Amino acid sequence: MAGFSIAMLRHSARWAAPEIMSREIEGFPKDRIFNWREGYEVLHFINRYMEYKGWASQITFQKLESLLKTRLPFTARTHYDVMIWLDTNFKK
């Protein structure tokens, strides 16, 4: 998994859910709702997505975070939906 940390995040987030809950998610499940407000979930999702794409740049990490925080449509509800939306809408 890409090794970006909390220190790389630029947007505010909640840290209410235990980190272990989002760290244990594998791949991009169709039955798991993506919580873009929860810091650990965003952090681990971006790390998984970047590994899936083979990317390693801090700038790309922060662009993905900004996109998730500011442009993600409400129709992209699950981890799978978010992955598909990023595949279609993110230009590195």
Protein backbone atom coordinates (compact mmCIF):
# COMPACT_ATOMS: atom_id res chain seq x y z
CA MET A 1 0.00 0.00 0.00
CA ALA A 2 1.17 3.54 -0.71
CA GLY A 3 2.54 4.97 2.50
CA PHE A 4 1.03 8.43 2.73
CA SER A 5 0.17 9.58 6.25
CA ILE A 6 -2.22 11.92 8.01
CA ALA A 7 0.37 14.69 7.68
CA MET A 8 -0.15 14.69 3.89
CA LEU A 9 -3.87 15.47 4.13
CA ARG A 10 -4.75 19.11 3.47
CA HIS A 11 -8.50 19.18 4.12
CA SER A 12 -10.23 18.93 7.45
CA ALA A 13 -11.74 15.62 8.48
CA ARG A 14 -13.40 13.83 11.35
CA TRP A 15 -11.39 11.24 13.23
CA ALA A 16 -14.27 9.52 15.04
CA ALA A 17 -14.02 5.99 13.61
CA PRO A 18 -11.10 3.78 14.68
CA GLU A 19 -8.35 3.55 12.08
CA ILE A 20 -8.51 -0.25 12.06
CA MET A 21 -11.99 -0.11 10.48
CA SER A 22 -10.74 1.60 7.33
CA ARG A 23 -7.32 -0.07 7.28
CA GLU A 24 -8.98 -3.50 6.99
CA ILE A 25 -10.96 -2.63 3.85
CA GLU A 26 -9.59 -4.52 0.87
CA GLY A 27 -9.99 -3.35 -2.68
CA PHE A 28 -13.06 -1.30 -3.57
CA PRO A 29 -16.12 -3.12 -2.23
CA LYS A 30 -19.51 -2.54 -3.83
CA ASP A 31 -21.29 -2.99 -0.50
CA ARG A 32 -19.27 -0.56 1.65
CA ILE A 33 -20.43 3.08 1.80
CA PHE A 34 -17.56 5.57 1.40
CA ASN A 35 -17.51 8.22 4.13
CA TRP A 36 -15.62 11.17 2.62
CA ARG A 37 -15.82 13.06 5.93
CA GLU A 38 -13.92 10.42 7.92
CA GLY A 39 -10.16 11.07 7.86
CA TYR A 40 -8.86 7.53 8.11
CA GLU A 41 -11.28 6.30 5.47
CA VAL A 42 -10.16 9.01 3.02
CA LEU A 43 -6.48 8.40 3.82
CA HIS A 44 -6.63 4.64 3.33
CA PHE A 45 -8.90 4.87 0.29
CA ILE A 46 -6.46 7.22 -1.48
CA ASN A 47 -3.51 5.01 -0.56
CA ARG A 48 -5.33 1.95 -1.99
CA TYR A 49 -6.37 3.83 -5.12
CA MET A 50 -2.85 5.10 -5.75
CA GLU A 51 -1.45 1.60 -5.34
CA TYR A 52 -4.10 0.28 -7.76
CA LYS A 53 -3.02 2.91 -10.32
CA GLY A 54 0.72 2.56 -9.63
CA TRP A 55 1.09 6.20 -8.57
CA ALA A 56 3.42 7.50 -5.84
CA SER A 57 3.44 11.31 -6.02
CA GLN A 58 2.49 13.45 -3.03
CA ILE A 59 0.98 16.01 -5.40
CA THR A 60 -1.27 13.33 -6.91
CA PHE A 61 -2.28 12.23 -3.40
CA GLN A 62 -3.31 15.77 -2.50
CA LYS A 63 -5.14 16.30 -5.80
CA LEU A 64 -7.13 13.13 -5.19
CA GLU A 65 -7.98 14.27 -1.68
CA SER A 66 -9.18 17.66 -2.96
CA LEU A 67 -11.27 16.01 -5.64
CA LEU A 68 -12.90 13.68 -3.12
CA LYS A 69 -13.60 16.53 -0.71
CA THR A 70 -14.88 19.10 -3.21
CA ARG A 71 -16.22 17.34 -6.34
CA LEU A 72 -17.37 13.85 -5.43
CA PRO A 73 -21.04 13.54 -6.47
CA PHE A 74 -23.60 12.17 -4.05
CA THR A 75 -24.30 9.36 -6.52
CA ALA A 76 -20.83 7.90 -5.86
CA ARG A 77 -21.76 6.17 -2.61
CA THR A 78 -19.70 3.00 -2.31
CA HIS A 79 -15.95 2.48 -2.47
CA TYR A 80 -16.49 0.86 -5.87
CA ASP A 81 -18.55 3.83 -7.12
CA VAL A 82 -15.84 6.25 -6.00
CA MET A 83 -13.14 4.21 -7.73
CA ILE A 84 -15.13 4.18 -11.00
CA TRP A 85 -15.84 7.91 -10.70
CA LEU A 86 -12.13 8.67 -10.16
CA ASP A 87 -11.15 6.43 -13.09
CA THR A 88 -13.45 8.49 -15.27
CA ASN A 89 -12.89 11.99 -13.87
CA PHE A 90 -9.34 12.24 -12.54
CA LYS A 91 -6.67 13.37 -14.93
CA LYS A 92 -3.20 13.07 -13.44
